[in-house]
Amino acid sequence: MKKKFTDKQIHILNVAEKLIAKKGFEGTSVRDISTGANINVAMISYYFGSKEKMMSYLYRYRVQKTRESFAEFAEIIRDGKPEMQMKELIKYVTNQLFKFNYFHGFVTQELRHTEHLKDDLLEFYNTFTSKIDSVIKKGVTTGVFTNAPKPEDILTLIVGSSLFVIRNKNFYEIYVPGKEQNYLEDAEKKVMANLLVTIFSLLGYQTD
């Protein structure tokens, strides 16, 4: 079920997200957020209960916004060729995972005991898997793809590869050229290239 947020909550969450993306969850204090949002510190407790609970609200808000943007995105690519649609789907999810990388540790911890977070994430995964499935079927029907891998396996490849790289910087940065501050950007490009080759190979796609 979609959770409703007040305008004030959305304002605070947007400020908090920008700060956490820059400084990390631990490095961002309640005072940082209240100062950035131009509110009293007590308002964080009033609207969310605590900084930790605010992160739960922020995660739900982000998932809802991502689902909305994905619906718009899916509509834009709806009439494209299957190979174009698949490429854009891979790029979309990979980009979202890297862009909001600061959520992943929180999600891993919170999913163990927060049912509504599981439901929100499951709904998005199911929506995306369904879209992948329709693109694969369209590609097979038109002869663009000669194989039909399971859509859930495609999603697992995308999410698994991206999260491994995000969580194992000390290993993967050895193989990523460039400056340390550009790690996520450069790593995303490398992962994206590998995923495109791997997934299109699984699909049996042959370029002319």
C-alpha atoms as a PDB file:
ATOM      1  CA  MET A   1       0.000   0.000   0.000  1.00  0.00           C
ATOM      2  CA  LYS A   2       1.297   3.447  -0.884  1.00  0.00           C
ATOM      3  CA  LYS A   3       2.180   5.532   2.152  1.00  0.00           C
ATOM      4  CA  LYS A   4       1.141   9.180   2.116  1.00  0.00           C
ATOM      5  CA  PHE A   5       3.695  11.791   3.119  1.00  0.00           C
ATOM      6  CA  THR A   6       2.947  15.374   4.108  1.00  0.00           C
ATOM      7  CA  ASP A   7       4.658  18.235   2.287  1.00  0.00           C
ATOM      8  CA  LYS A   8       6.720  18.927   5.405  1.00  0.00           C
ATOM      9  CA  GLN A   9       7.848  15.312   5.654  1.00  0.00           C
ATOM     10  CA  ILE A  10       8.828  15.287   1.978  1.00  0.00           C
ATOM     11  CA  HIS A  11      10.827  18.492   2.450  1.00  0.00           C
ATOM     12  CA  ILE A  12      12.728  17.010   5.411  1.00  0.00           C
ATOM     13  CA  LEU A  13      13.296  13.685   3.627  1.00  0.00           C
ATOM     14  CA  ASN A  14      14.667  15.411   0.526  1.00  0.00           C
ATOM     15  CA  VAL A  15      17.114  17.408   2.652  1.00  0.00           C
ATOM     16  CA  ALA A  16      18.091  14.309   4.652  1.00  0.00           C
ATOM     17  CA  GLU A  17      18.667  12.271   1.511  1.00  0.00           C
ATOM     18  CA  LYS A  18      21.032  14.848   0.014  1.00  0.00           C
ATOM     19  CA  LEU A  19      23.035  15.033   3.236  1.00  0.00           C
ATOM     20  CA  ILE A  20      23.180  11.257   3.735  1.00  0.00           C
ATOM     21  CA  ALA A  21      24.233  10.738   0.117  1.00  0.00           C
ATOM     22  CA  LYS A  22      27.136  13.140   0.706  1.00  0.00           C
ATOM     23  CA  LYS A  23      28.170  12.342   4.294  1.00  0.00           C
ATOM     24  CA  GLY A  24      26.715   8.886   4.959  1.00  0.00           C
ATOM     25  CA  PHE A  25      24.095   7.957   7.552  1.00  0.00           C
ATOM     26  CA  GLU A  26      26.490   7.928  10.509  1.00  0.00           C
ATOM     27  CA  GLY A  27      28.133  11.149   9.400  1.00  0.00           C
ATOM     28  CA  THR A  28      24.825  13.005   9.179  1.00  0.00           C
ATOM     29  CA  SER A  29      23.441  14.295  12.462  1.00  0.00           C
ATOM     30  CA  VAL A  30      19.878  15.231  13.317  1.00  0.00           C
ATOM     31  CA  ARG A  31      21.114  18.793  13.733  1.00  0.00           C
ATOM     32  CA  ASP A  32      22.568  18.724  10.204  1.00  0.00           C
ATOM     33  CA  ILE A  33      19.187  17.697   8.854  1.00  0.00           C
ATOM     34  CA  SER A  34      17.193  20.189  10.918  1.00  0.00           C
ATOM     35  CA  THR A  35      19.545  23.020   9.926  1.00  0.00           C
ATOM     36  CA  GLY A  36      19.355  22.079   6.253  1.00  0.00           C
ATOM     37  CA  ALA A  37      15.576  21.830   6.396  1.00  0.00           C
ATOM     38  CA  ASN A  38      15.286  25.046   8.440  1.00  0.00           C
ATOM     39  CA  ILE A  39      13.308  23.376  11.221  1.00  0.00           C
ATOM     40  CA  ASN A  40      13.652  22.812  14.945  1.00  0.00           C
ATOM     41  CA  VAL A  41      15.544  19.638  15.954  1.00  0.00           C
ATOM     42  CA  ALA A  42      12.459  18.415  17.810  1.00  0.00           C
ATOM     43  CA  MET A  43      10.533  18.286  14.537  1.00  0.00           C
ATOM     44  CA  ILE A  44      12.536  15.224  13.434  1.00  0.00           C
ATOM     45  CA  SER A  45      11.218  13.372  16.462  1.00  0.00           C
ATOM     46  CA  TYR A  46       7.706  14.741  15.899  1.00  0.00           C
ATOM     47  CA  TYR A  47       7.482  13.643  12.276  1.00  0.00           C
ATOM     48  CA  PHE A  48       9.559  10.452  12.341  1.00  0.00           C
ATOM     49  CA  GLY A  49      10.376   9.402  15.900  1.00  0.00           C
ATOM     50  CA  SER A  50      14.151   9.200  15.452  1.00  0.00           C
ATOM     51  CA  LYS A  51      16.861   9.479  12.834  1.00  0.00           C
ATOM     52  CA  GLU A  52      16.824   5.696  12.401  1.00  0.00           C
ATOM     53  CA  LYS A  53      13.052   5.647  11.886  1.00  0.00           C
ATOM     54  CA  MET A  54      13.361   8.584   9.518  1.00  0.00           C
ATOM     55  CA  MET A  55      15.623   6.396   7.368  1.00  0.00           C
ATOM     56  CA  SER A  56      12.776   3.883   7.127  1.00  0.00           C
ATOM     57  CA  TYR A  57      10.452   6.655   5.977  1.00  0.00           C
ATOM     58  CA  LEU A  58      13.088   7.834   3.513  1.00  0.00           C
ATOM     59  CA  TYR A  59      13.484   4.360   2.079  1.00  0.00           C
ATOM     60  CA  ARG A  60       9.737   3.972   1.548  1.00  0.00           C
ATOM     61  CA  TYR A  61       9.539   7.423  -0.006  1.00  0.00           C
ATOM     62  CA  ARG A  62      12.426   6.643  -2.360  1.00  0.00           C
ATOM     63  CA  VAL A  63      10.920   3.303  -3.427  1.00  0.00           C
ATOM     64  CA  GLN A  64       7.600   5.015  -4.175  1.00  0.00           C
ATOM     65  CA  LYS A  65       9.314   7.733  -6.224  1.00  0.00           C
ATOM     66  CA  THR A  66      11.355   5.102  -8.074  1.00  0.00           C
ATOM     67  CA  ARG A  67       8.214   3.136  -8.905  1.00  0.00           C
ATOM     68  CA  GLU A  68       6.598   6.295 -10.240  1.00  0.00           C
ATOM     69  CA  SER A  69       9.625   7.192 -12.348  1.00  0.00           C
ATOM     70  CA  PHE A  70       9.851   3.613 -13.603  1.00  0.00           C
ATOM     71  CA  ALA A  71       6.217   3.710 -14.725  1.00  0.00           C
ATOM     72  CA  GLU A  72       6.982   6.864 -16.729  1.00  0.00           C
ATOM     73  CA  PHE A  73      10.196   5.342 -18.060  1.00  0.00           C
ATOM     74  CA  ALA A  74       8.441   2.105 -19.112  1.00  0.00           C
ATOM     75  CA  GLU A  75       5.856   4.148 -21.004  1.00  0.00           C
ATOM     76  CA  ILE A  76       8.572   6.061 -22.864  1.00  0.00           C
ATOM     77  CA  ILE A  77      10.295   2.889 -24.112  1.00  0.00           C
ATOM     78  CA  ARG A  78       7.071   0.917 -24.666  1.00  0.00           C
ATOM     79  CA  ASP A  79       7.131   1.064 -28.474  1.00  0.00           C
ATOM     80  CA  GLY A  80      10.867   0.578 -28.865  1.00  0.00           C
ATOM     81  CA  LYS A  81      12.558  -2.483 -30.304  1.00  0.00           C
ATOM     82  CA  PRO A  82      13.084  -5.336 -27.794  1.00  0.00           C
ATOM     83  CA  GLU A  83      16.862  -4.949 -27.831  1.00  0.00           C
ATOM     84  CA  MET A  84      16.569  -1.227 -27.095  1.00  0.00           C
ATOM     85  CA  GLN A  85      14.057  -1.844 -24.324  1.00  0.00           C
ATOM     86  CA  MET A  86      16.243  -4.485 -22.691  1.00  0.00           C
ATOM     87  CA  LYS A  87      19.309  -2.257 -22.845  1.00  0.00           C
ATOM     88  CA  GLU A  88      17.426   0.631 -21.250  1.00  0.00           C
ATOM     89  CA  LEU A  89      15.971  -1.611 -18.536  1.00  0.00           C
ATOM     90  CA  ILE A  90      19.433  -2.843 -17.586  1.00  0.00           C
ATOM     91  CA  LYS A  91      20.756   0.704 -17.530  1.00  0.00           C
ATOM     92  CA  TYR A  92      17.799   1.962 -15.479  1.00  0.00           C
ATOM     93  CA  VAL A  93      18.091  -0.523 -12.623  1.00  0.00           C
ATOM     94  CA  THR A  94      21.889  -0.417 -12.512  1.00  0.00           C
ATOM     95  CA  ASN A  95      21.806   3.366 -12.356  1.00  0.00           C
ATOM     96  CA  GLN A  96      19.224   3.366  -9.554  1.00  0.00           C
ATOM     97  CA  LEU A  97      21.281   0.922  -7.489  1.00  0.00           C
ATOM     98  CA  PHE A  98      24.438   3.003  -7.810  1.00  0.00           C
ATOM     99  CA  LYS A  99      22.688   6.349  -7.429  1.00  0.00           C
ATOM    100  CA  PHE A 100      21.054   5.353  -4.150  1.00  0.00           C
ATOM    101  CA  ASN A 101      23.884   3.125  -2.948  1.00  0.00           C
ATOM    102  CA  TYR A 102      23.731   4.511   0.600  1.00  0.00           C
ATOM    103  CA  PHE A 103      20.499   2.594   1.203  1.00  0.00           C
ATOM    104  CA  HIS A 104      21.890  -0.899   0.793  1.00  0.00           C
ATOM    105  CA  GLY A 105      23.394  -1.437   4.229  1.00  0.00           C
ATOM    106  CA  PHE A 106      20.246  -0.068   5.822  1.00  0.00           C
ATOM    107  CA  VAL A 107      17.987  -2.258   3.710  1.00  0.00           C
ATOM    108  CA  THR A 108      19.942  -5.413   4.516  1.00  0.00           C
ATOM    109  CA  GLN A 109      19.603  -4.717   8.225  1.00  0.00           C
ATOM    110  CA  GLU A 110      16.021  -3.473   8.285  1.00  0.00           C
ATOM    111  CA  LEU A 111      14.492  -6.134   6.035  1.00  0.00           C
ATOM    112  CA  ARG A 112      15.070  -8.690   8.772  1.00  0.00           C
ATOM    113  CA  HIS A 113      12.339  -7.244  10.936  1.00  0.00           C
ATOM    114  CA  THR A 114      10.361  -4.640   8.969  1.00  0.00           C
ATOM    115  CA  GLU A 115       7.568  -6.227   6.966  1.00  0.00           C
ATOM    116  CA  HIS A 116       6.389  -3.134   5.076  1.00  0.00           C
ATOM    117  CA  LEU A 117       9.875  -2.591   3.655  1.00  0.00           C
ATOM    118  CA  LYS A 118       9.842  -6.138   2.312  1.00  0.00           C
ATOM    119  CA  ASP A 119       6.457  -5.529   0.712  1.00  0.00           C
ATOM    120  CA  ASP A 120       7.530  -2.261  -0.923  1.00  0.00           C
ATOM    121  CA  LEU A 121      10.677  -3.793  -2.374  1.00  0.00           C
ATOM    122  CA  LEU A 122       8.907  -6.988  -3.458  1.00  0.00           C
ATOM    123  CA  GLU A 123       6.267  -5.028  -5.338  1.00  0.00           C
ATOM    124  CA  PHE A 124       8.904  -3.104  -7.268  1.00  0.00           C
ATOM    125  CA  TYR A 125      10.899  -6.243  -8.078  1.00  0.00           C
ATOM    126  CA  ASN A 126       7.749  -7.965  -9.340  1.00  0.00           C
ATOM    127  CA  THR A 127       6.858  -4.975 -11.512  1.00  0.00           C
ATOM    128  CA  PHE A 128      10.315  -4.888 -13.029  1.00  0.00           C
ATOM    129  CA  THR A 129      10.458  -8.661 -13.545  1.00  0.00           C
ATOM    130  CA  SER A 130       7.121  -8.530 -15.351  1.00  0.00           C
ATOM    131  CA  LYS A 131       8.467  -5.841 -17.692  1.00  0.00           C
ATOM    132  CA  ILE A 132      11.606  -7.870 -18.429  1.00  0.00           C
ATOM    133  CA  ASP A 133       9.424 -10.895 -19.174  1.00  0.00           C
ATOM    134  CA  SER A 134       7.293  -8.974 -21.677  1.00  0.00           C
ATOM    135  CA  VAL A 135      10.388  -7.655 -23.466  1.00  0.00           C
ATOM    136  CA  ILE A 136      11.942 -11.138 -23.675  1.00  0.00           C
ATOM    137  CA  LYS A 137       8.729 -12.594 -25.098  1.00  0.00           C
ATOM    138  CA  LYS A 138       8.465  -9.777 -27.627  1.00  0.00           C
ATOM    139  CA  GLY A 139      12.072 -10.334 -28.663  1.00  0.00           C
ATOM    140  CA  VAL A 140      11.620 -14.094 -29.062  1.00  0.00           C
ATOM    141  CA  THR A 141       8.400 -13.645 -31.025  1.00  0.00           C
ATOM    142  CA  THR A 142      10.032 -11.222 -33.451  1.00  0.00           C
ATOM    143  CA  GLY A 143      13.174 -13.341 -33.740  1.00  0.00           C
ATOM    144  CA  VAL A 144      15.478 -10.749 -32.183  1.00  0.00           C
ATOM    145  CA  PHE A 145      16.239 -13.051 -29.232  1.00  0.00           C
ATOM    146  CA  THR A 146      16.848 -16.771 -29.773  1.00  0.00           C
ATOM    147  CA  ASN A 147      16.820 -17.664 -26.067  1.00  0.00           C
ATOM    148  CA  ALA A 148      14.357 -16.891 -23.286  1.00  0.00           C
ATOM    149  CA  PRO A 149      16.122 -16.789 -19.915  1.00  0.00           C
ATOM    150  CA  LYS A 150      13.950 -16.426 -16.833  1.00  0.00           C
ATOM    151  CA  PRO A 151      13.254 -12.741 -16.059  1.00  0.00           C
ATOM    152  CA  GLU A 152      13.951 -13.268 -12.362  1.00  0.00           C
ATOM    153  CA  ASP A 153      17.416 -14.549 -13.281  1.00  0.00           C
ATOM    154  CA  ILE A 154      18.061 -11.412 -15.336  1.00  0.00           C
ATOM    155  CA  LEU A 155      17.056  -9.226 -12.385  1.00  0.00           C
ATOM    156  CA  THR A 156      19.262 -11.289 -10.067  1.00  0.00           C
ATOM    157  CA  LEU A 157      22.236 -10.715 -12.370  1.00  0.00           C
ATOM    158  CA  ILE A 158      21.679  -6.963 -12.427  1.00  0.00           C
ATOM    159  CA  VAL A 159      21.076  -6.505  -8.712  1.00  0.00           C
ATOM    160  CA  GLY A 160      23.650  -9.056  -7.590  1.00  0.00           C
ATOM    161  CA  SER A 161      26.446  -7.676  -9.765  1.00  0.00           C
ATOM    162  CA  SER A 162      25.733  -4.080  -8.800  1.00  0.00           C
ATOM    163  CA  LEU A 163      25.497  -4.722  -5.067  1.00  0.00           C
ATOM    164  CA  PHE A 164      28.681  -6.804  -5.049  1.00  0.00           C
ATOM    165  CA  VAL A 165      30.628  -3.944  -6.587  1.00  0.00           C
ATOM    166  CA  ILE A 166      29.050  -1.322  -4.326  1.00  0.00           C
ATOM    167  CA  ARG A 167      29.758  -3.330  -1.174  1.00  0.00           C
ATOM    168  CA  ASN A 168      33.251  -4.539  -2.085  1.00  0.00           C
ATOM    169  CA  LYS A 169      35.068  -1.382  -3.065  1.00  0.00           C
ATOM    170  CA  ASN A 170      38.346  -2.601  -1.492  1.00  0.00           C
ATOM    171  CA  PHE A 171      38.366  -5.459  -4.010  1.00  0.00           C
ATOM    172  CA  TYR A 172      36.795  -3.988  -7.123  1.00  0.00           C
ATOM    173  CA  GLU A 173      38.662  -0.677  -7.120  1.00  0.00           C
ATOM    174  CA  ILE A 174      41.774  -2.645  -8.103  1.00  0.00           C
ATOM    175  CA  TYR A 175      40.129  -3.221 -11.479  1.00  0.00           C
ATOM    176  CA  VAL A 176      38.603   0.219 -11.948  1.00  0.00           C
ATOM    177  CA  PRO A 177      40.857   2.916 -13.420  1.00  0.00           C
ATOM    178  CA  GLY A 178      40.498   6.510 -12.352  1.00  0.00           C
ATOM    179  CA  LYS A 179      40.478   8.517  -9.158  1.00  0.00           C
ATOM    180  CA  GLU A 180      39.083   7.189  -5.888  1.00  0.00           C
ATOM    181  CA  GLN A 181      36.424   9.896  -5.667  1.00  0.00           C
ATOM    182  CA  ASN A 182      35.047   8.709  -9.017  1.00  0.00           C
ATOM    183  CA  TYR A 183      34.872   5.068  -7.935  1.00  0.00           C
ATOM    184  CA  LEU A 184      31.108   4.635  -8.037  1.00  0.00           C
ATOM    185  CA  GLU A 185      30.755   6.408 -11.381  1.00  0.00           C
ATOM    186  CA  ASP A 186      33.570   4.408 -12.997  1.00  0.00           C
ATOM    187  CA  ALA A 187      32.460   1.147 -11.395  1.00  0.00           C
ATOM    188  CA  GLU A 188      28.912   1.674 -12.660  1.00  0.00           C
ATOM    189  CA  LYS A 189      30.177   2.036 -16.230  1.00  0.00           C
ATOM    190  CA  LYS A 190      32.230  -1.160 -15.940  1.00  0.00           C
ATOM    191  CA  VAL A 191      29.369  -3.146 -14.399  1.00  0.00           C
ATOM    192  CA  MET A 192      26.940  -1.811 -17.006  1.00  0.00           C
ATOM    193  CA  ALA A 193      29.185  -2.874 -19.873  1.00  0.00           C
ATOM    194  CA  ASN A 194      29.617  -6.352 -18.416  1.00  0.00           C
ATOM    195  CA  LEU A 195      25.896  -6.773 -17.785  1.00  0.00           C
ATOM    196  CA  LEU A 196      25.000  -5.775 -21.331  1.00  0.00           C
ATOM    197  CA  VAL A 197      27.412  -8.325 -22.788  1.00  0.00           C
ATOM    198  CA  THR A 198      26.312 -11.089 -20.402  1.00  0.00           C
ATOM    199  CA  ILE A 199      22.563 -10.590 -20.643  1.00  0.00           C
ATOM    200  CA  PHE A 200      22.450 -10.127 -24.409  1.00  0.00           C
ATOM    201  CA  SER A 201      24.545 -13.282 -24.731  1.00  0.00           C
ATOM    202  CA  LEU A 202      22.011 -15.160 -22.606  1.00  0.00           C
ATOM    203  CA  LEU A 203      19.247 -13.830 -24.852  1.00  0.00           C
ATOM    204  CA  GLY A 204      21.053 -15.141 -27.923  1.00  0.00           C
ATOM    205  CA  TYR A 205      21.045 -11.704 -29.489  1.00  0.00           C
ATOM    206  CA  GLN A 206      23.096 -11.397 -32.658  1.00  0.00           C
ATOM    207  CA  THR A 207      24.012  -8.050 -34.161  1.00  0.00           C
ATOM    208  CA  ASP A 208      23.811  -7.727 -37.920  1.00  0.00           C
END
